[in-house]
Amino acid sequence: QTHFLSHSLQAKMSRPVQARRLEGIDKNIWVEFVKLATTYSKVNLGQGFPDFPAPAFLTEAFRRAVSGENHMLHQYTRAFGHPPLVKVLAQLFEKLLGRELDPMTNVMVTVGAYQALFCCFQALVDEGDEVIIIEPFFDCYEPMVKMAGGTPVFVPLRPNPPKDGKLMSSADWQLDPAELASKFSERTKAIVLNSPNNPLGKVFSRGELGLIAELCVKHDVLCISDEVYEWLVYDGKQHIRIASLPGMWDRTVTIGSAGKTFSATGWKVGWVVGPDRLLQHLRTVHQNSVYHCATIAQEAVAQGFQRELTLYGKPESYFVQLPKELQQKRDWLVQSLDGVGMKPIIPEGTYFLVADISQFKSDVPDVPNSDEPYDHRFAKWMIKNKGLAAIPLSAFYSEAHKNNYTNFIRFCFAKEEATLKAANDILQKWKQEKNSS
């Protein structure tokens, strides 16, 4: 009897359990590097979250919501978004996009921008559809397209260094118009746009967005526009929303994040804004996956937006203050990296800057015939030996193009002054050691 039971259990367990759509997408850069950073790093400029507090008006709103009279805030709210939040988002985006929005059909709240992306790919991409992804790209786009049965098609931003020895800017990384046009075909279902771009910090210009829009209209292609860093733009640059360009509202889903907007990444409140003809399909995915997002977080975020709407464009607006503070932090890190010879690419937006590590390569031995890109080895070595965590840039490229971009790493500068100072101390000490060896 026992022999029969163990035999039948073995027989049952021999078939593959994993769904085919998960093949090849099981590795995740964040799992590996977050673990390394937690174990070894003294200073973590790797993962993109601030280590400074969220604004007091937001945390107070959360406190009021938790401890206030309205006990219904501890229960389910509307599945597609807490009514006060979708209403204020509709009001704000009416202003930003210059069109009337229905809070119930043109806005949906998600568990962070991450789930918004997942809903987009699951709802809009079919088996065999092609999705154009601009490289470098936030790393989840590729596996999410594959999980939906789609085929990612990559088009790179190509660096064009300034001739005068000046530091490079993220604006110097550009699309080749002919190369971009060549990626569109009758199989193309969507293009993913991320502006301001993570990891480069590139803010796409009106001309670049116009080119993408023209191709979308010409080939009847959807645009999934990831705009989580929409308020984090520097040097007087302007963030242009592609949904506001001619012919684009009807084919664009715009994604935003309270985490990035209000420096509260752990709250996981995101949203999508777009036409009902697209959002109705996202709602189907949403109701059959998470169904609902945390009520209290949505209530507090709604109050945060309410405040920002009344202060819109005024100096005391958080949307005006935060980019000023972050631009200063960016400039400190640029100076610090440039001072030791790790050449920064000055970002026009986001939390991030990419730096060229070529001058530091002699510190980290090359391993001939290794499958691992050099920048991965460099970043791991730096965490273990210098206590400074950053992320390799090749993690933001497809398998085919990874090895063309292995001289760069990405730093996050959305950190306390003390954190950035500690990073500078590590870099200075490292430079002195290099000079004396």
Protein backbone atom coordinates (compact mmCIF):
# COMPACT_ATOMS: atom_id res chain seq x y z
CA GLN A 1 0.00 0.00 0.00
CA THR A 2 2.79 2.47 1.02
CA HIS A 3 4.84 1.53 -2.05
CA PHE A 4 1.83 2.16 -4.31
CA LEU A 5 1.16 5.57 -2.71
CA SER A 6 4.75 6.81 -3.02
CA HIS A 7 4.91 5.56 -6.61
CA SER A 8 1.69 7.37 -7.60
CA LEU A 9 2.88 10.58 -5.90
CA GLN A 10 6.15 10.47 -7.86
CA ALA A 11 4.26 9.86 -11.09
CA LYS A 12 2.03 12.83 -10.45
CA MET A 13 4.94 15.16 -9.74
CA SER A 14 6.97 14.40 -12.85
CA ARG A 15 4.97 16.65 -15.22
CA PRO A 16 6.12 20.28 -15.61
CA VAL A 17 4.24 22.59 -13.26
CA GLN A 18 5.35 25.91 -14.71
CA ALA A 19 3.16 27.70 -17.27
CA ARG A 20 5.04 28.06 -20.58
CA ARG A 21 4.54 31.83 -20.59
CA LEU A 22 6.91 32.08 -17.57
CA GLU A 23 9.82 30.44 -19.36
CA GLY A 24 12.92 32.61 -19.50
CA ILE A 25 11.47 35.47 -17.45
CA ASP A 26 12.09 34.08 -13.98
CA LYS A 27 15.28 36.08 -13.29
CA ASN A 28 14.83 39.57 -11.90
CA ILE A 29 17.60 42.14 -11.44
CA TRP A 30 15.89 43.71 -8.41
CA VAL A 31 15.63 40.48 -6.42
CA GLU A 32 19.37 39.88 -6.87
CA PHE A 33 20.65 43.43 -6.33
CA VAL A 34 18.32 44.32 -3.46
CA LYS A 35 19.57 41.24 -1.62
CA LEU A 36 23.21 42.18 -2.31
CA ALA A 37 22.64 45.79 -1.24
CA THR A 38 20.94 44.68 2.00
CA THR A 39 23.82 42.33 2.77
CA TYR A 40 26.86 44.45 1.88
CA SER A 41 26.13 48.09 1.12
CA LYS A 42 26.76 51.00 3.46
CA VAL A 43 25.21 53.40 0.94
CA ASN A 44 22.39 52.29 -1.34
CA LEU A 45 22.00 54.38 -4.51
CA GLY A 46 20.56 51.37 -6.33
CA GLN A 47 16.79 51.00 -6.03
CA GLY A 48 14.64 54.00 -6.96
CA PHE A 49 13.03 55.18 -3.76
CA PRO A 50 13.64 58.27 -1.61
CA ASP A 51 15.10 57.80 1.87
CA PHE A 52 13.67 61.19 2.89
CA PRO A 53 10.13 61.49 4.31
CA ALA A 54 6.97 61.94 2.27
CA PRO A 55 5.48 65.46 2.68
CA ALA A 56 3.76 66.14 6.03
CA PHE A 57 0.45 67.09 4.36
CA LEU A 58 0.28 63.59 2.86
CA THR A 59 1.19 61.60 5.97
CA GLU A 60 -1.24 63.75 8.00
CA ALA A 61 -4.00 62.95 5.51
CA PHE A 62 -3.18 59.25 5.96
CA ARG A 63 -3.26 59.61 9.77
CA ARG A 64 -6.64 61.37 9.61
CA ALA A 65 -8.02 58.68 7.32
CA VAL A 66 -6.88 55.87 9.62
CA SER A 67 -8.05 57.39 12.89
CA GLY A 68 -10.97 59.52 11.74
CA GLU A 69 -14.72 59.14 12.17
CA ASN A 70 -15.32 57.55 8.77
CA HIS A 71 -15.05 53.84 9.60
CA MET A 72 -16.04 52.99 6.01
CA LEU A 73 -12.49 53.93 4.94
CA HIS A 74 -11.47 50.56 6.44
CA GLN A 75 -13.77 48.73 4.02
CA TYR A 76 -13.87 48.12 0.26
CA THR A 77 -14.33 51.16 -1.93
CA ARG A 78 -15.20 51.26 -5.64
CA ALA A 79 -13.15 48.57 -7.44
CA PHE A 80 -11.85 50.86 -10.21
CA GLY A 81 -10.86 53.71 -7.92
CA HIS A 82 -11.99 55.44 -4.72
CA PRO A 83 -14.50 58.11 -5.90
CA PRO A 84 -12.69 61.12 -4.32
CA LEU A 85 -9.42 60.02 -5.96
CA VAL A 86 -10.73 59.41 -9.50
CA LYS A 87 -12.64 62.71 -9.32
CA VAL A 88 -9.58 64.78 -8.38
CA LEU A 89 -7.39 62.94 -10.91
CA ALA A 90 -9.96 63.69 -13.63
CA GLN A 91 -9.95 67.39 -12.63
CA LEU A 92 -6.15 67.57 -12.71
CA PHE A 93 -5.74 65.72 -16.01
CA GLU A 94 -8.47 67.83 -17.64
CA LYS A 95 -6.16 70.78 -16.95
CA LEU A 96 -3.04 68.93 -18.16
CA LEU A 97 -4.55 67.38 -21.30
CA GLY A 98 -6.95 70.18 -22.19
CA ARG A 99 -10.04 67.93 -22.51
CA GLU A 100 -13.03 66.92 -20.42
CA LEU A 101 -12.68 63.64 -18.52
CA ASP A 102 -15.24 61.38 -16.92
CA PRO A 103 -13.79 60.20 -13.58
CA MET A 104 -15.71 56.91 -13.80
CA THR A 105 -14.67 55.90 -17.32
CA ASN A 106 -11.46 57.81 -18.13
CA VAL A 107 -9.53 57.07 -14.90
CA MET A 108 -8.73 53.77 -13.18
CA VAL A 109 -6.72 53.33 -9.96
CA THR A 110 -4.21 50.47 -9.76
CA VAL A 111 -1.78 48.90 -7.29
CA GLY A 112 1.04 51.21 -8.27
CA ALA A 113 2.07 52.00 -11.84
CA TYR A 114 3.42 48.42 -12.00
CA GLN A 115 -0.07 46.90 -11.97
CA ALA A 116 -1.23 49.58 -14.41
CA LEU A 117 1.42 48.31 -16.86
CA PHE A 118 0.39 44.71 -16.26
CA CYS A 119 -3.27 45.58 -16.99
CA CYS A 120 -2.25 47.34 -20.23
CA PHE A 121 -0.27 44.42 -21.62
CA GLN A 122 -2.80 41.78 -20.54
CA ALA A 123 -5.77 43.76 -21.86
CA LEU A 124 -4.37 45.08 -25.14
CA VAL A 125 -1.70 42.63 -26.37
CA ASP A 126 -2.62 39.38 -28.07
CA GLU A 127 -0.71 36.26 -29.04
CA GLY A 128 1.67 37.23 -31.88
CA ASP A 129 1.25 41.00 -31.50
CA GLU A 130 4.44 43.04 -31.65
CA VAL A 131 5.15 45.72 -29.07
CA ILE A 132 7.90 48.30 -29.70
CA ILE A 133 10.06 49.03 -26.65
CA ILE A 134 12.58 51.90 -26.65
CA GLU A 135 15.94 50.91 -25.12
CA PRO A 136 17.09 51.38 -22.40
CA PHE A 137 13.76 50.51 -20.78
CA PHE A 138 12.35 49.87 -17.33
CA ASP A 139 13.01 46.15 -17.04
CA CYS A 140 9.46 44.82 -16.48
CA TYR A 141 8.19 45.86 -19.95
CA GLU A 142 9.80 42.91 -21.73
CA PRO A 143 8.59 40.07 -19.43
CA MET A 144 5.11 41.62 -19.22
CA VAL A 145 4.82 41.72 -23.02
CA LYS A 146 5.96 38.09 -23.21
CA MET A 147 3.52 36.98 -20.50
CA ALA A 148 0.72 38.47 -22.59
CA GLY A 149 1.88 36.38 -25.59
CA GLY A 150 3.33 39.38 -27.43
CA THR A 151 6.71 39.79 -29.12
CA PRO A 152 8.89 42.69 -27.94
CA VAL A 153 10.64 44.64 -30.74
CA PHE A 154 13.48 46.86 -29.55
CA VAL A 155 14.66 50.21 -30.86
CA PRO A 156 17.59 51.94 -29.13
CA LEU A 157 18.22 55.51 -28.10
CA ARG A 158 21.66 56.09 -29.59
CA PRO A 159 24.24 58.18 -27.71
CA ASN A 160 25.64 61.16 -29.59
CA PRO A 161 28.42 62.59 -27.37
CA PRO A 162 29.07 66.36 -27.48
CA LYS A 163 32.31 67.24 -29.29
CA ASP A 164 33.45 69.97 -26.88
CA GLY A 165 34.42 67.67 -24.01
CA LYS A 166 31.32 68.75 -22.06
CA LEU A 167 29.50 66.20 -19.95
CA MET A 168 26.89 64.26 -21.87
CA SER A 169 23.19 64.94 -21.24
CA SER A 170 20.32 62.46 -21.47
CA ALA A 171 19.11 64.65 -24.38
CA ASP A 172 22.17 63.41 -26.33
CA TRP A 173 20.59 59.93 -26.48
CA GLN A 174 18.23 59.99 -29.44
CA LEU A 175 16.05 57.82 -31.64
CA ASP A 176 17.05 57.40 -35.27
CA PRO A 177 13.80 58.35 -37.09
CA ALA A 178 14.38 55.89 -39.96
CA GLU A 179 15.26 53.06 -37.56
CA LEU A 180 12.16 53.77 -35.47
CA ALA A 181 9.91 53.85 -38.56
CA SER A 182 11.36 50.52 -39.73
CA LYS A 183 10.08 48.79 -36.56
CA PHE A 184 6.42 49.54 -37.32
CA SER A 185 4.54 46.91 -39.34
CA GLU A 186 1.03 45.45 -39.60
CA ARG A 187 1.92 43.22 -36.64
CA THR A 188 2.68 46.21 -34.36
CA LYS A 189 -0.02 46.57 -31.73
CA ALA A 190 1.56 49.11 -29.38
CA ILE A 191 4.62 51.14 -28.52
CA VAL A 192 5.75 51.69 -24.92
CA LEU A 193 6.91 55.23 -24.23
CA ASN A 194 8.60 56.17 -20.96
CA SER A 195 9.19 59.88 -20.58
CA PRO A 196 10.92 61.00 -18.42
CA ASN A 197 12.86 57.79 -19.05
CA ASN A 198 14.15 55.41 -16.40
CA PRO A 199 17.16 54.74 -16.38
CA LEU A 200 18.56 57.63 -18.49
CA GLY A 201 16.46 60.50 -17.22
CA LYS A 202 15.71 61.54 -20.81
CA VAL A 203 12.72 63.85 -21.29
CA PHE A 204 11.43 63.36 -24.84
CA SER A 205 11.11 66.62 -26.77
CA ARG A 206 7.99 67.74 -28.60
CA GLY A 207 9.70 66.84 -31.90
CA GLU A 208 10.54 63.31 -30.75
CA LEU A 209 7.01 62.76 -29.40
CA GLY A 210 5.56 64.17 -32.63
CA LEU A 211 7.54 61.59 -34.61
CA ILE A 212 6.24 58.73 -32.41
CA ALA A 213 2.68 60.10 -32.61
CA GLU A 214 2.82 60.35 -36.39
CA LEU A 215 3.92 56.71 -36.70
CA CYS A 216 1.23 55.57 -34.24
CA VAL A 217 -1.48 57.33 -36.24
CA LYS A 218 -0.11 56.13 -39.59
CA HIS A 219 0.06 52.46 -38.51
CA ASP A 220 -2.97 52.56 -36.18
CA VAL A 221 -0.85 51.60 -33.17
CA LEU A 222 -1.62 52.08 -29.46
CA CYS A 223 0.70 53.97 -27.12
CA ILE A 224 1.31 52.84 -23.53
CA SER A 225 2.81 55.97 -21.98
CA ASP A 226 4.58 55.45 -18.66
CA GLU A 227 4.80 58.95 -17.15
CA VAL A 228 5.47 58.15 -13.49
CA TYR A 229 8.20 60.84 -13.30
CA GLU A 230 5.99 63.50 -14.91
CA TRP A 231 6.62 66.09 -12.15
CA LEU A 232 10.35 65.36 -11.81
CA VAL A 233 11.79 67.43 -14.65
CA TYR A 234 14.80 69.75 -14.28
CA ASP A 235 16.55 72.81 -15.77
CA GLY A 236 13.24 74.39 -16.80
CA LYS A 237 12.51 71.51 -19.21
CA GLN A 238 8.87 70.73 -19.94
CA HIS A 239 7.19 67.34 -19.69
CA ILE A 240 4.88 66.94 -22.69
CA ARG A 241 2.11 64.35 -22.48
CA ILE A 242 1.84 62.41 -25.73
CA ALA A 243 -1.94 61.98 -25.20
CA SER A 244 -2.28 65.75 -25.77
CA LEU A 245 -0.82 65.55 -29.31
CA PRO A 246 -3.13 65.41 -32.36
CA GLY A 247 -4.69 61.98 -32.94
CA MET A 248 -3.21 60.49 -29.74
CA TRP A 249 -5.89 60.72 -27.03
CA ASP A 250 -7.93 57.96 -28.58
CA ARG A 251 -4.99 55.53 -28.77
CA THR A 252 -3.02 56.34 -25.59
CA VAL A 253 -3.12 55.00 -22.06
CA THR A 254 -1.21 57.30 -19.69
CA ILE A 255 0.19 55.78 -16.50
CA GLY A 256 1.00 57.69 -13.30
CA SER A 257 2.21 56.97 -9.78
CA ALA A 258 1.48 58.51 -6.38
CA GLY A 259 4.69 56.84 -5.17
CA LYS A 260 6.84 59.00 -7.47
CA THR A 261 4.55 62.05 -7.33
CA PHE A 262 4.44 62.27 -3.52
CA SER A 263 7.67 60.44 -2.55
CA ALA A 264 5.73 57.54 -1.00
CA THR A 265 6.68 54.54 -3.12
CA GLY A 266 5.50 51.99 -0.53
CA TRP A 267 1.89 53.13 -0.78
CA LYS A 268 1.52 51.50 -4.21
CA VAL A 269 -1.17 53.79 -5.61
CA GLY A 270 -1.04 54.23 -9.38
CA TRP A 271 -3.52 55.10 -12.11
CA VAL A 272 -4.29 55.01 -15.80
CA VAL A 273 -5.94 57.82 -17.74
CA GLY A 274 -7.34 57.27 -21.22
CA PRO A 275 -10.39 56.78 -23.43
CA ASP A 276 -13.12 54.44 -22.23
CA ARG A 277 -12.69 52.27 -25.34
CA LEU A 278 -9.26 51.23 -24.00
CA LEU A 279 -9.89 51.48 -20.25
CA GLN A 280 -12.91 49.17 -20.37
CA HIS A 281 -10.55 46.29 -21.23
CA LEU A 282 -8.08 47.28 -18.50
CA ARG A 283 -10.99 47.21 -16.04
CA THR A 284 -11.69 43.59 -17.05
CA VAL A 285 -8.10 42.57 -16.20
CA HIS A 286 -8.15 44.62 -12.99
CA GLN A 287 -11.42 43.14 -11.71
CA ASN A 288 -10.13 39.62 -12.36
CA SER A 289 -6.73 40.10 -10.73
CA VAL A 290 -6.42 42.48 -7.77
CA TYR A 291 -10.02 43.77 -8.01
CA HIS A 292 -9.40 46.60 -5.57
CA CYS A 293 -6.67 48.83 -4.08
CA ALA A 294 -6.19 49.93 -0.45
CA THR A 295 -8.97 52.40 0.43
CA ILE A 296 -7.07 54.46 3.01
CA ALA A 297 -4.04 55.02 0.78
CA GLN A 298 -6.38 56.20 -2.01
CA GLU A 299 -8.19 58.56 0.40
CA ALA A 300 -4.89 60.14 1.53
CA VAL A 301 -3.60 60.47 -2.06
CA ALA A 302 -6.92 62.10 -3.05
CA GLN A 303 -6.38 64.71 -0.34
CA GLY A 304 -2.78 65.23 -1.50
CA PHE A 305 -4.01 65.94 -5.02
CA GLN A 306 -6.79 68.19 -3.71
CA ARG A 307 -4.11 70.33 -2.06
CA GLU A 308 -1.96 70.37 -5.21
CA LEU A 309 -4.91 71.34 -7.37
CA THR A 310 -5.55 74.46 -5.27
CA LEU A 311 -1.83 75.33 -5.27
CA TYR A 312 -1.29 74.45 -8.94
CA GLY A 313 1.66 76.42 -10.37
CA LYS A 314 2.28 78.31 -7.10
CA PRO A 315 5.73 78.27 -5.44
CA GLU A 316 4.44 76.37 -2.37
CA SER A 317 3.11 73.50 -4.54
CA TYR A 318 4.91 70.21 -3.83
CA PHE A 319 5.05 69.67 -7.61
CA VAL A 320 7.14 72.87 -7.82
CA GLN A 321 9.25 72.28 -4.69
CA LEU A 322 10.20 68.61 -5.17
CA PRO A 323 11.91 68.98 -8.59
CA LYS A 324 13.90 71.95 -7.24
CA GLU A 325 15.17 69.86 -4.33
CA LEU A 326 15.91 66.87 -6.56
CA GLN A 327 17.74 69.02 -9.12
CA GLN A 328 20.06 70.14 -6.33
CA LYS A 329 20.65 66.52 -5.29
CA ARG A 330 21.28 65.59 -8.92
CA ASP A 331 23.88 68.36 -9.21
CA TRP A 332 25.67 67.19 -6.05
CA LEU A 333 25.92 63.65 -7.37
CA VAL A 334 27.01 64.87 -10.84
CA GLN A 335 29.80 66.91 -9.24
CA SER A 336 30.80 64.07 -6.97
CA LEU A 337 31.00 61.49 -9.79
CA ASP A 338 32.69 63.88 -12.22
CA GLY A 339 35.25 64.78 -9.56
CA VAL A 340 36.46 61.17 -9.32
CA GLY A 341 36.32 60.46 -13.07
CA MET A 342 33.14 58.40 -13.19
CA LYS A 343 31.53 60.37 -16.02
CA PRO A 344 27.85 61.17 -15.35
CA ILE A 345 25.22 61.61 -18.09
CA ILE A 346 23.21 64.58 -16.80
CA PRO A 347 19.54 63.57 -16.59
CA GLU A 348 16.76 65.97 -17.59
CA GLY A 349 14.31 64.22 -15.26
CA THR A 350 13.57 61.27 -12.88
CA TYR A 351 15.40 59.99 -9.76
CA PHE A 352 18.31 58.57 -11.75
CA LEU A 353 21.56 59.28 -13.46
CA VAL A 354 23.74 56.97 -15.49
CA ALA A 355 27.53 57.16 -15.19
CA ASP A 356 30.33 55.86 -17.42
CA ILE A 357 32.66 53.59 -15.41
CA SER A 358 35.37 53.18 -18.09
CA GLN A 359 38.07 54.85 -15.95
CA PHE A 360 37.36 52.50 -13.05
CA LYS A 361 37.38 49.26 -15.01
CA SER A 362 41.00 48.47 -14.11
CA ASP A 363 39.83 47.86 -10.49
CA VAL A 364 37.54 45.02 -11.44
CA PRO A 365 39.17 42.09 -13.21
CA ASP A 366 37.63 40.94 -16.48
CA VAL A 367 36.55 37.31 -16.69
CA PRO A 368 37.16 36.02 -20.23
CA ASN A 369 34.25 34.15 -21.89
CA SER A 370 31.87 35.12 -19.08
CA ASP A 371 28.14 35.21 -19.89
CA GLU A 372 27.66 37.92 -17.31
CA PRO A 373 27.82 41.49 -18.69
CA TYR A 374 30.79 43.46 -17.35
CA ASP A 375 28.68 46.15 -15.65
CA HIS A 376 26.89 43.44 -13.60
CA ARG A 377 30.25 42.20 -12.31
CA PHE A 378 31.43 45.76 -11.67
CA ALA A 379 28.26 46.69 -9.73
CA LYS A 380 28.46 43.51 -7.62
CA TRP A 381 32.16 44.10 -6.92
CA MET A 382 31.43 47.73 -5.95
CA ILE A 383 28.70 46.68 -3.50
CA LYS A 384 30.87 43.99 -1.88
CA ASN A 385 34.20 45.85 -1.84
CA LYS A 386 33.24 49.51 -1.58
CA GLY A 387 29.84 49.29 0.13
CA LEU A 388 28.22 51.42 -2.59
CA ALA A 389 25.16 50.04 -4.42
CA ALA A 390 24.16 50.99 -7.98
CA ILE A 391 22.44 49.10 -10.81
CA PRO A 392 24.12 47.95 -14.06
CA LEU A 393 22.74 49.73 -17.14
CA SER A 394 22.74 46.55 -19.28
CA ALA A 395 19.87 45.29 -17.05
CA PHE A 396 17.71 47.81 -18.97
CA TYR A 397 18.51 46.28 -22.38
CA SER A 398 17.30 43.23 -24.28
CA GLU A 399 19.46 40.10 -24.41
CA ALA A 400 20.60 40.93 -27.96
CA HIS A 401 21.86 44.43 -27.07
CA LYS A 402 23.05 43.98 -23.46
CA ASN A 403 26.71 43.67 -24.37
CA ASN A 404 26.83 47.01 -26.21
CA TYR A 405 26.21 48.96 -22.99
CA THR A 406 28.39 47.42 -20.30
CA ASN A 407 30.41 50.52 -19.32
CA PHE A 408 27.61 52.25 -17.42
CA ILE A 409 25.85 52.00 -14.07
CA ARG A 410 22.71 53.74 -12.78
CA PHE A 411 22.62 55.72 -9.53
CA CYS A 412 19.53 57.01 -7.69
CA PHE A 413 19.95 60.54 -6.31
CA ALA A 414 16.52 60.84 -4.62
CA LYS A 415 18.25 60.51 -1.25
CA GLU A 416 18.96 62.48 1.93
CA GLU A 417 21.90 64.87 1.82
CA ALA A 418 23.71 62.61 4.34
CA THR A 419 23.32 59.59 2.03
CA LEU A 420 24.77 61.48 -0.94
CA LYS A 421 27.62 62.78 1.23
CA ALA A 422 28.41 59.22 2.37
CA ALA A 423 28.48 58.12 -1.29
CA ASN A 424 30.85 60.99 -2.10
CA ASP A 425 33.17 59.94 0.77
CA ILE A 426 33.34 56.39 -0.61
CA LEU A 427 34.13 57.68 -4.12
CA GLN A 428 36.81 60.12 -2.89
CA LYS A 429 38.53 57.43 -0.84
CA TRP A 430 38.39 55.05 -3.80
CA LYS A 431 39.98 57.69 -6.06
CA GLN A 432 42.81 58.30 -3.56
CA GLU A 433 43.49 54.55 -3.38
CA LYS A 434 43.65 54.42 -7.19
CA ASN A 435 46.04 57.37 -7.35
CA SER A 436 48.39 55.98 -4.73
CA SER A 437 48.49 52.45 -6.19
